[in-house]
Structure formats: structure tokens, C-alpha cells
Amino acid sequence: MEERSRCLIFDPFAGISGDMILGGLIDLGLEADWLKALVSDLPVKVDLSIEEVSRGSIKATAVRVETLESGVVRHLKDVLEIIDAANVDEKAREWAAAAFRKLADVEGGVHGIAPEKVHFHEVGADDAIVDILGACAGMSQLGIDRCFTRPVAVGIGWVVAQHGALPLPAPATIRLLEDLPVRESELEGELTTPTGAVLLSVLTGGQRLHGDFTPVRSGYGAGVRDPSTHPNCLRLIIADLDARGDLIVMQADIDDMSPEYAPSLLEELFAAGAIDAWTQPVQMKKGRTGLRIEVLVPETGREAVSRALFQGSTTLGLRYWRVQREILPRAAKTVEWRGHTIRVKASTSPDGHVHYKPEFDDVAAAARAEGVPTLRAQDEIEQLLRDA
């Protein structure tokens, strides 16, 4: 049985913007009424329109957010308060807040002012709030928590902004695209906006797509212009990745970091996409006792995990090699024990035998609540599973 991993792939062959992402998500199946309800609850004055259009020969969904109130000045603090009060889940709130913080940091760096003092159209305007919060909440609504990107197209020429004429890609945009794959096209005009760039950066974490994938469905978000030269739209692909085949083992030996940092480092590696991670003591040069950190990671997650390893440890380098693994078919279920719900992992061996492993944290918590030893609770739960 193959193990599959569901993800979303950004394919910005004609660039990317916030409204193109919203259109692509609706084309994928996000309910338009849900987005309208989300926007109506926000303290912003905008007109939201959604329609089916064509870009070249491709059917796409166009989302337009028109600001109805001019002269409103918002700083980062004001925007974060709106996000904090929005009716979205915690993951969407974290994504949106991270996007605006990064926008403010980059724009502040470009113009030489502190991030908290930034007030400009990309951070303060109502349409940017709708684009970013709507995209993050829409991703979460569709159950997407892992994203990759193909190279993002950027245009050439000049754009006139609040601060005067700027070369394309705009200074803020190129800063936001750092660590992302970029493809310079010969098309004139702003193909990738700062809002699109920051969402791509935050949602993908800089992870590029490597290897094969199985498309599940795709959607297209339309850009504003409809040129004759190319279909001006963003493609979003929900796909399954084969999580069984080629994996990478990453390894680093460290002799100048206290072992007390190891637990938090492992947590960071798992958060970055590691399948497994562990440490072991090693004897290093000059007789020093060191720590070997090893990580098992899919090829698609190598860059994000290596970044986490470099940022979270004192290592100056790492080595890695490809491995293969075989896995048993697995499933998750629950069982009731004395009124407590216990999560259980089930695996099936080649001869058909099913092995059950109750989640230890659930068992321990239930045992404490019932005032019985954890070992006895474990035995009783395993007996329930055998009798089922």
C-alpha cells in the first residue's frame, strides 16, 4: 500500500498576486459565499466581486477587491489587531500575521524606516487585508497545510508607485522572493506583486517542488489584465506526493552545543517537515564528546529541514544521502476506555495480522484521571482491541 502526502503546488507561470490566489482557491472548490461572509465580518470597506472569466483559452476565476474608502492609514499594529479579531482558525491567523510582519519588515528595509512605522498601500489598504487574510483562511478551509512552488515569473520594465518610478521586479518584491525560485520573463509589466510574493514565501516556506506528484485537481486564478501574449493566470494544483520512495537522511556532528538544546531542535526539525529525527552521542576529534543529529526527510522537504538545522544548531555543515524504505499499511482509529477516548495506530503485517498501538499520552492521561497505574490501563485497552 502506497503512503501518499497531500499538498498544494503553486504554479505561477504568469506571476502571482493576492487576488489571483483567491481566484485559484475558489476555482479549486473554496465556497465563494464563505469568502464573502469572511470579508463582510472584517472592519474594512471593500467591494468583493467573483466571476468566471477566460484568460487566453483557459477558464479561470477572477476575484476583485475594490477599496471603497480612501485616505485610511494603518500601521502594522492596526492590521495585526484586525487579524487577531477575525473569525478564522489559529493556523490562518499565524500565516496572515507572518505575512504582514514580513511585508512591513521588507518595506521598512527598502525605504529606511522601522517596520512598526510603515504605512503604505500594501500593508494598510483594505484590499491587501482581504487578499492576505482571505488567502490564508481559504487555504486552511480547504485543509491545506503543506505547500510547494514552481518558479515564479517576474516581469521587466518599470512601475509607478507611491515612491516614484521603480524597476521591475519592484525592490520589495525581489526581497520577498529571496530563497524562492524565480524565472525572469520577457513580458513587460508587474507580473508578481508584493502581496503575491509574501504569500508565496510564507505559505511555502521556500520549499520548491522536487520529484514526481499525482495531480488531484487544479484551479486557475485570473489576473486583472488579459493580454494576447499569454494566459494571465495562476495555477494551483492539489496533489499527492509519494511519501514511500526516495527519502533523504541528513546528518550533522556537533561538539560545541549543549545537549540541553537538542529537544527544542528536534521539535523545530519536525515542524519543518522531518519524518523522523534523533540524536546520539559520538566521540569526536581531540576526544571530545559530541552529538550526532540525524533526520529522515522527503526529498521535497530537504531545503526547509536543512534551513531549520542550520538555524537551530551550531553546525557549520551537514551531509546527506538518499535511502529507500518499506512501510506497512497503517490506519488510525479510536477506542473508548472507561469513558475516555484513546487514539490508536493500527498496522497490518504481510500475513494480515493487525498490530495495535494505543497513543501513550492518551493512555497516561486516562489512567491518571481514573487513578490506576498506566501499565494496567494499557493492558485493559489492548484487551479491548483484541476483543473488538
Protein backbone atom coordinates (compact mmCIF):
# COMPACT_ATOMS: atom_id res chain seq x y z
CA MET A 1 0.00 0.00 0.00
CA GLU A 2 1.43 3.39 -1.00
CA GLU A 3 1.68 6.17 1.52
CA ARG A 4 0.59 9.46 -0.03
CA SER A 5 1.07 13.01 1.20
CA ARG A 6 -1.48 15.67 0.15
CA CYS A 7 -0.16 19.14 -0.67
CA LEU A 8 -0.78 22.25 -2.77
CA ILE A 9 1.56 23.32 -5.58
CA PHE A 10 1.79 26.93 -6.72
CA ASP A 11 2.49 27.19 -10.45
CA PRO A 12 2.99 30.95 -11.03
CA PHE A 13 3.91 30.68 -14.72
CA ALA A 14 2.46 34.18 -15.34
CA GLY A 15 3.24 35.65 -11.93
CA ILE A 16 1.24 35.82 -8.72
CA SER A 17 -0.87 38.30 -6.76
CA GLY A 18 -3.19 38.11 -3.78
CA ASP A 19 -6.40 38.20 -5.82
CA MET A 20 -5.03 35.54 -8.20
CA ILE A 21 -4.53 33.24 -5.20
CA LEU A 22 -8.10 33.89 -4.03
CA GLY A 23 -9.42 33.13 -7.51
CA GLY A 24 -7.40 29.94 -7.72
CA LEU A 25 -8.68 28.74 -4.34
CA ILE A 26 -12.31 29.32 -5.38
CA ASP A 27 -11.62 27.54 -8.66
CA LEU A 28 -10.31 24.63 -6.57
CA GLY A 29 -13.55 24.43 -4.61
CA LEU A 30 -13.46 27.08 -1.89
CA GLU A 31 -17.03 28.32 -1.40
CA ALA A 32 -17.50 31.86 -2.72
CA ASP A 33 -20.20 32.52 -0.11
CA TRP A 34 -17.77 31.51 2.63
CA LEU A 35 -15.24 34.08 1.41
CA LYS A 36 -17.91 36.78 1.15
CA ALA A 37 -19.05 36.06 4.71
CA LEU A 38 -15.47 36.27 5.98
CA VAL A 39 -14.93 39.63 4.27
CA SER A 40 -18.26 41.05 5.49
CA ASP A 41 -17.19 40.41 9.10
CA LEU A 42 -13.96 42.41 8.70
CA PRO A 43 -13.80 46.12 9.65
CA VAL A 44 -12.90 47.10 6.09
CA LYS A 45 -14.88 48.84 3.35
CA VAL A 46 -14.46 46.93 0.11
CA ASP A 47 -16.48 45.67 -2.81
CA LEU A 48 -15.79 41.97 -3.45
CA SER A 49 -16.67 40.55 -6.86
CA ILE A 50 -16.19 36.98 -8.08
CA GLU A 51 -16.77 35.86 -11.66
CA GLU A 52 -15.77 33.19 -14.15
CA VAL A 53 -13.61 34.58 -16.96
CA SER A 54 -11.22 33.40 -19.67
CA ARG A 55 -7.55 34.20 -19.89
CA GLY A 56 -6.39 33.13 -23.32
CA SER A 57 -8.01 29.75 -23.81
CA ILE A 58 -8.10 28.92 -20.08
CA LYS A 59 -11.21 29.25 -17.91
CA ALA A 60 -10.33 30.93 -14.63
CA THR A 61 -11.94 32.61 -11.63
CA ALA A 62 -11.43 36.34 -11.19
CA VAL A 63 -11.66 37.85 -7.71
CA ARG A 64 -11.56 41.63 -7.46
CA VAL A 65 -11.32 43.57 -4.21
CA GLU A 66 -12.07 47.28 -4.67
CA THR A 67 -11.36 49.63 -1.77
CA LEU A 68 -14.31 51.95 -1.12
CA GLU A 69 -12.63 54.26 1.40
CA SER A 70 -9.55 56.32 0.60
CA GLY A 71 -7.15 58.07 2.95
CA VAL A 72 -7.20 55.35 5.62
CA VAL A 73 -3.75 54.98 7.19
CA ARG A 74 -2.97 51.76 9.01
CA HIS A 75 0.25 50.66 10.64
CA LEU A 76 1.34 47.10 11.29
CA LYS A 77 -0.16 47.15 14.79
CA ASP A 78 -3.57 48.10 13.40
CA VAL A 79 -3.51 45.32 10.81
CA LEU A 80 -2.45 42.70 13.37
CA GLU A 81 -5.38 43.71 15.58
CA ILE A 82 -7.77 43.12 12.68
CA ILE A 83 -6.22 39.68 12.07
CA ASP A 84 -6.41 38.80 15.76
CA ALA A 85 -10.12 39.64 15.87
CA ALA A 86 -11.01 37.88 12.61
CA ASN A 87 -13.22 34.79 12.60
CA VAL A 88 -10.54 32.40 11.32
CA ASP A 89 -8.67 29.46 12.81
CA GLU A 90 -5.29 29.76 14.51
CA LYS A 91 -3.28 28.47 11.56
CA ALA A 92 -4.76 31.06 9.20
CA ARG A 93 -4.17 33.76 11.80
CA GLU A 94 -0.50 32.74 12.15
CA TRP A 95 0.04 32.72 8.38
CA ALA A 96 -1.60 36.13 7.88
CA ALA A 97 0.27 37.76 10.76
CA ALA A 98 3.57 36.35 9.50
CA ALA A 99 2.84 37.70 6.01
CA PHE A 100 2.14 41.23 7.23
CA ARG A 101 5.15 41.24 9.56
CA LYS A 102 7.38 40.19 6.68
CA LEU A 103 5.83 42.80 4.39
CA ALA A 104 6.40 45.55 6.95
CA ASP A 105 9.95 44.40 7.63
CA VAL A 106 10.86 44.33 3.93
CA GLU A 107 9.14 47.60 3.02
CA GLY A 108 10.73 49.25 6.05
CA GLY A 109 14.14 48.00 4.98
CA VAL A 110 13.66 49.20 1.40
CA HIS A 111 12.59 52.69 2.48
CA GLY A 112 14.76 53.02 5.58
CA ILE A 113 12.09 53.14 8.29
CA ALA A 114 11.15 50.92 11.22
CA PRO A 115 8.61 48.16 10.39
CA GLU A 116 6.14 49.40 13.01
CA LYS A 117 6.10 52.83 11.36
CA VAL A 118 5.39 51.56 7.87
CA HIS A 119 2.12 52.82 6.42
CA PHE A 120 1.65 52.29 2.74
CA HIS A 121 -0.80 50.73 0.35
CA GLU A 122 0.44 47.13 0.57
CA VAL A 123 0.21 46.91 4.37
CA GLY A 124 -2.52 49.42 5.15
CA ALA A 125 -5.03 49.11 2.34
CA ASP A 126 -8.23 47.20 2.86
CA ASP A 127 -7.73 45.17 -0.32
CA ALA A 128 -4.39 43.80 0.95
CA ILE A 129 -6.02 42.75 4.23
CA VAL A 130 -8.73 40.89 2.32
CA ASP A 131 -6.21 39.30 -0.07
CA ILE A 132 -3.84 38.05 2.62
CA LEU A 133 -6.31 37.05 5.32
CA GLY A 134 -8.69 35.54 2.74
CA ALA A 135 -5.93 33.50 1.11
CA CYS A 136 -4.60 32.19 4.43
CA ALA A 137 -8.06 31.35 5.76
CA GLY A 138 -9.05 29.79 2.44
CA MET A 139 -6.01 27.51 2.47
CA SER A 140 -6.90 26.38 5.96
CA GLN A 141 -10.57 25.96 4.99
CA LEU A 142 -9.53 23.57 2.20
CA GLY A 143 -7.42 21.57 4.67
CA ILE A 144 -4.11 22.57 3.08
CA ASP A 145 -1.12 22.84 5.40
CA ARG A 146 1.78 21.96 3.11
CA CYS A 147 2.72 23.94 0.02
CA PHE A 148 5.41 23.93 -2.65
CA THR A 149 6.15 26.22 -5.56
CA ARG A 150 7.41 26.09 -9.09
CA PRO A 151 9.48 29.03 -10.40
CA VAL A 152 7.60 32.33 -10.20
CA ALA A 153 7.60 34.59 -13.25
CA VAL A 154 8.57 38.23 -12.88
CA GLY A 155 8.19 40.94 -15.49
CA ILE A 156 10.54 43.58 -16.83
CA GLY A 157 10.25 47.34 -17.19
CA TRP A 158 9.11 49.97 -14.72
CA VAL A 159 6.17 50.57 -12.41
CA VAL A 160 4.99 53.86 -10.93
CA ALA A 161 4.35 53.58 -7.18
CA GLN A 162 3.78 55.98 -4.28
CA HIS A 163 7.53 56.44 -4.00
CA GLY A 164 8.02 57.15 -7.73
CA ALA A 165 9.13 55.01 -10.66
CA LEU A 166 10.60 51.64 -9.65
CA PRO A 167 12.34 48.96 -11.72
CA LEU A 168 10.66 45.58 -12.06
CA PRO A 169 10.65 43.41 -10.11
CA ALA A 170 9.99 46.13 -7.53
CA PRO A 171 12.62 46.34 -4.76
CA ALA A 172 10.24 44.99 -2.11
CA THR A 173 9.10 42.17 -4.39
CA ILE A 174 12.60 40.92 -5.14
CA ARG A 175 13.44 40.98 -1.43
CA LEU A 176 10.29 38.99 -0.66
CA LEU A 177 11.26 36.42 -3.30
CA GLU A 178 14.60 35.65 -1.67
CA ASP A 179 15.07 31.86 -1.29
CA LEU A 180 12.33 31.23 -3.88
CA PRO A 181 12.90 30.05 -7.47
CA VAL A 182 12.42 32.98 -9.87
CA ARG A 183 12.09 32.97 -13.66
CA GLU A 184 12.56 36.27 -15.47
CA SER A 185 10.24 36.51 -18.44
CA GLU A 186 10.43 38.85 -21.41
CA LEU A 187 6.97 40.21 -20.65
CA GLU A 188 6.69 43.83 -19.63
CA GLY A 189 4.71 44.81 -16.57
CA GLU A 190 4.36 43.77 -12.95
CA LEU A 191 3.61 40.04 -13.08
CA THR A 192 4.32 39.41 -9.39
CA THR A 193 3.11 41.83 -6.71
CA PRO A 194 4.47 42.23 -3.17
CA THR A 195 1.26 40.71 -1.78
CA GLY A 196 1.59 37.66 -4.02
CA ALA A 197 5.29 37.34 -3.25
CA VAL A 198 4.87 37.48 0.51
CA LEU A 199 2.05 34.92 0.47
CA LEU A 200 4.15 32.59 -1.67
CA SER A 201 7.08 32.97 0.72
CA VAL A 202 5.09 32.43 3.92
CA LEU A 203 2.83 29.63 2.68
CA THR A 204 5.59 27.57 1.02
CA GLY A 205 8.42 28.40 3.40
CA GLY A 206 10.64 28.48 0.32
CA GLN A 207 10.05 24.80 -0.46
CA ARG A 208 10.46 24.00 -4.13
CA LEU A 209 8.83 21.01 -5.74
CA HIS A 210 11.20 18.13 -6.49
CA GLY A 211 10.28 14.78 -7.98
CA ASP A 212 7.00 13.30 -9.16
CA PHE A 213 3.50 14.08 -7.98
CA THR A 214 -0.03 12.91 -8.76
CA PRO A 215 -2.45 15.77 -9.55
CA VAL A 216 -5.79 15.51 -7.75
CA ARG A 217 -7.41 18.70 -9.06
CA SER A 218 -6.34 22.11 -10.29
CA GLY A 219 -7.71 25.64 -10.30
CA TYR A 220 -6.88 28.90 -12.05
CA GLY A 221 -6.98 32.41 -10.61
CA ALA A 222 -7.21 35.20 -13.17
CA GLY A 223 -5.04 38.30 -13.25
CA VAL A 224 -6.53 41.70 -14.00
CA ARG A 225 -5.11 42.09 -17.50
CA ASP A 226 -5.99 39.85 -20.44
CA PRO A 227 -3.01 40.13 -22.81
CA SER A 228 -2.86 38.41 -26.18
CA THR A 229 0.64 37.09 -25.48
CA HIS A 230 -0.14 34.58 -22.72
CA PRO A 231 -2.89 33.37 -20.35
CA ASN A 232 -2.57 35.73 -17.40
CA CYS A 233 -3.50 33.39 -14.57
CA LEU A 234 -2.09 31.47 -11.62
CA ARG A 235 -2.43 27.69 -11.50
CA LEU A 236 -2.95 25.95 -8.15
CA ILE A 237 -2.61 22.16 -8.03
CA ILE A 238 -3.74 19.92 -5.20
CA ALA A 239 -1.53 16.86 -5.49
CA ASP A 240 -0.44 13.68 -3.80
CA LEU A 241 3.26 13.06 -3.30
CA ASP A 242 4.68 9.56 -2.94
CA ALA A 243 5.96 9.55 0.63
CA ARG A 244 7.27 6.00 0.46
CA GLY A 245 10.04 6.02 -2.13
CA ASP A 246 13.17 8.14 -2.09
CA LEU A 247 13.94 9.78 1.23
CA ILE A 248 16.98 11.61 2.49
CA VAL A 249 18.97 11.03 5.66
CA MET A 250 20.61 14.26 6.84
CA GLN A 251 23.40 14.11 9.39
CA ALA A 252 25.44 16.63 11.37
CA ASP A 253 28.05 16.08 14.10
CA ILE A 254 28.36 18.86 16.71
CA ASP A 255 30.81 19.23 19.61
CA ASP A 256 30.20 22.85 20.64
CA MET A 257 26.49 22.88 21.51
CA SER A 258 24.96 21.97 24.85
CA PRO A 259 22.76 18.84 24.68
CA GLU A 260 20.02 20.77 26.50
CA TYR A 261 19.14 22.38 23.16
CA ALA A 262 18.55 19.02 21.48
CA PRO A 263 14.84 18.60 22.40
CA SER A 264 13.84 22.01 21.02
CA LEU A 265 15.96 21.42 17.90
CA LEU A 266 14.15 18.15 17.23
CA GLU A 267 10.80 19.94 17.58
CA GLU A 268 11.93 22.54 15.03
CA LEU A 269 13.05 19.81 12.62
CA PHE A 270 9.69 18.06 12.85
CA ALA A 271 7.89 21.38 12.34
CA ALA A 272 9.99 21.93 9.20
CA GLY A 273 8.83 18.63 7.70
CA ALA A 274 11.05 15.86 9.09
CA ILE A 275 9.52 12.38 9.10
CA ASP A 276 11.81 11.33 11.96
CA ALA A 277 14.73 12.85 13.84
CA TRP A 278 17.02 11.58 16.57
CA THR A 279 20.32 12.22 18.34
CA GLN A 280 23.11 10.00 19.62
CA PRO A 281 26.39 10.67 21.43
CA VAL A 282 29.60 10.36 19.39
CA GLN A 283 33.31 10.60 20.16
CA MET A 284 34.86 13.34 18.04
CA LYS A 285 38.35 14.69 17.40
CA LYS A 286 40.58 15.51 20.37
CA GLY A 287 38.49 13.10 22.43
CA ARG A 288 35.53 15.47 22.65
CA THR A 289 32.08 14.07 23.31
CA GLY A 290 29.75 15.32 20.61
CA LEU A 291 26.18 14.97 19.42
CA ARG A 292 25.16 13.39 16.13
CA ILE A 293 21.87 14.68 14.75
CA GLU A 294 20.15 12.58 12.10
CA VAL A 295 16.98 13.45 10.24
CA LEU A 296 14.79 11.45 7.86
CA VAL A 297 13.08 13.75 5.37
CA PRO A 298 11.32 13.54 1.98
CA GLU A 299 13.22 14.96 -0.97
CA THR A 300 10.62 17.73 -1.20
CA GLY A 301 11.39 18.89 2.34
CA ARG A 302 15.18 18.87 2.17
CA GLU A 303 15.63 22.63 1.85
CA ALA A 304 13.25 23.56 4.68
CA VAL A 305 14.72 20.97 7.07
CA SER A 306 18.33 21.87 6.26
CA ARG A 307 17.46 25.52 6.93
CA ALA A 308 15.98 24.57 10.30
CA LEU A 309 19.07 22.50 11.15
CA PHE A 310 21.45 25.35 10.34
CA GLN A 311 19.34 27.92 12.17
CA GLY A 312 18.69 25.79 15.25
CA SER A 313 22.16 24.37 15.87
CA THR A 314 25.83 25.36 15.78
CA THR A 315 26.73 23.04 12.91
CA LEU A 316 28.76 24.52 10.06
CA GLY A 317 27.74 21.83 7.58
CA LEU A 318 25.76 18.67 7.05
CA ARG A 319 25.89 15.57 4.90
CA TYR A 320 23.01 13.72 3.32
CA TRP A 321 22.29 10.69 1.19
CA ARG A 322 19.25 9.07 -0.36
CA VAL A 323 17.67 5.96 1.10
CA GLN A 324 14.63 3.80 0.40
CA ARG A 325 12.16 2.49 2.93
CA GLU A 326 9.36 -0.04 3.07
CA ILE A 327 6.36 0.64 5.26
CA LEU A 328 3.40 -1.39 6.45
CA PRO A 329 -0.15 -0.23 5.69
CA ARG A 330 -1.27 1.94 8.57
CA ALA A 331 -4.52 3.41 9.83
CA ALA A 332 -5.78 5.44 12.77
CA LYS A 333 -8.77 4.67 14.98
CA THR A 334 -10.07 5.34 18.47
CA VAL A 335 -11.29 3.15 21.30
CA GLU A 336 -13.34 4.05 24.38
CA TRP A 337 -11.94 3.03 27.78
CA ARG A 338 -13.87 3.97 30.94
CA GLY A 339 -15.37 6.96 29.14
CA HIS A 340 -12.06 8.20 27.74
CA THR A 341 -11.27 8.33 24.02
CA ILE A 342 -7.91 6.73 23.23
CA ARG A 343 -6.23 7.23 19.85
CA VAL A 344 -4.81 4.03 18.36
CA LYS A 345 -2.40 3.35 15.49
CA ALA A 346 -3.02 0.14 13.56
CA SER A 347 -0.51 -1.53 11.23
CA THR A 348 -1.03 -4.62 9.08
CA SER A 349 1.80 -7.11 8.51
CA PRO A 350 2.21 -9.02 5.19
CA ASP A 351 0.43 -12.06 6.66
CA GLY A 352 -2.61 -9.95 7.51
CA HIS A 353 -2.01 -9.67 11.26
CA VAL A 354 -3.08 -6.28 12.66
CA HIS A 355 -0.98 -4.75 15.42
CA TYR A 356 -2.50 -2.02 17.60
CA LYS A 357 -0.51 0.66 19.44
CA PRO A 358 -2.51 2.94 21.75
CA GLU A 359 -1.25 6.53 21.96
CA PHE A 360 0.75 6.60 25.19
CA ASP A 361 -0.13 10.20 26.12
CA ASP A 362 -3.85 9.36 25.88
CA VAL A 363 -3.38 6.21 27.96
CA ALA A 364 -1.38 8.03 30.64
CA ALA A 365 -3.89 10.89 30.88
CA ALA A 366 -6.84 8.49 31.16
CA ALA A 367 -5.01 6.40 33.77
CA ARG A 368 -4.34 9.48 35.91
CA ALA A 369 -7.98 10.51 35.65
CA GLU A 370 -9.12 7.05 36.78
CA GLY A 371 -6.45 6.71 39.48
CA VAL A 372 -4.99 3.48 38.12
CA PRO A 373 -1.43 2.59 37.04
CA THR A 374 -0.66 3.37 33.42
CA LEU A 375 0.50 -0.20 32.81
CA ARG A 376 -2.87 -1.58 33.92
CA ALA A 377 -4.71 0.90 31.72
CA GLN A 378 -2.53 -0.11 28.79
CA ASP A 379 -3.29 -3.81 29.37
CA GLU A 380 -7.04 -3.20 29.57
CA ILE A 381 -7.07 -1.08 26.42
CA GLU A 382 -5.05 -3.65 24.47
CA GLN A 383 -7.50 -6.34 25.62
CA LEU A 384 -10.40 -4.22 24.33
CA LEU A 385 -8.66 -4.00 20.97
CA ARG A 386 -8.05 -7.75 20.83
CA ASP A 387 -11.69 -8.45 21.66
CA ALA A 388 -13.04 -5.97 19.09
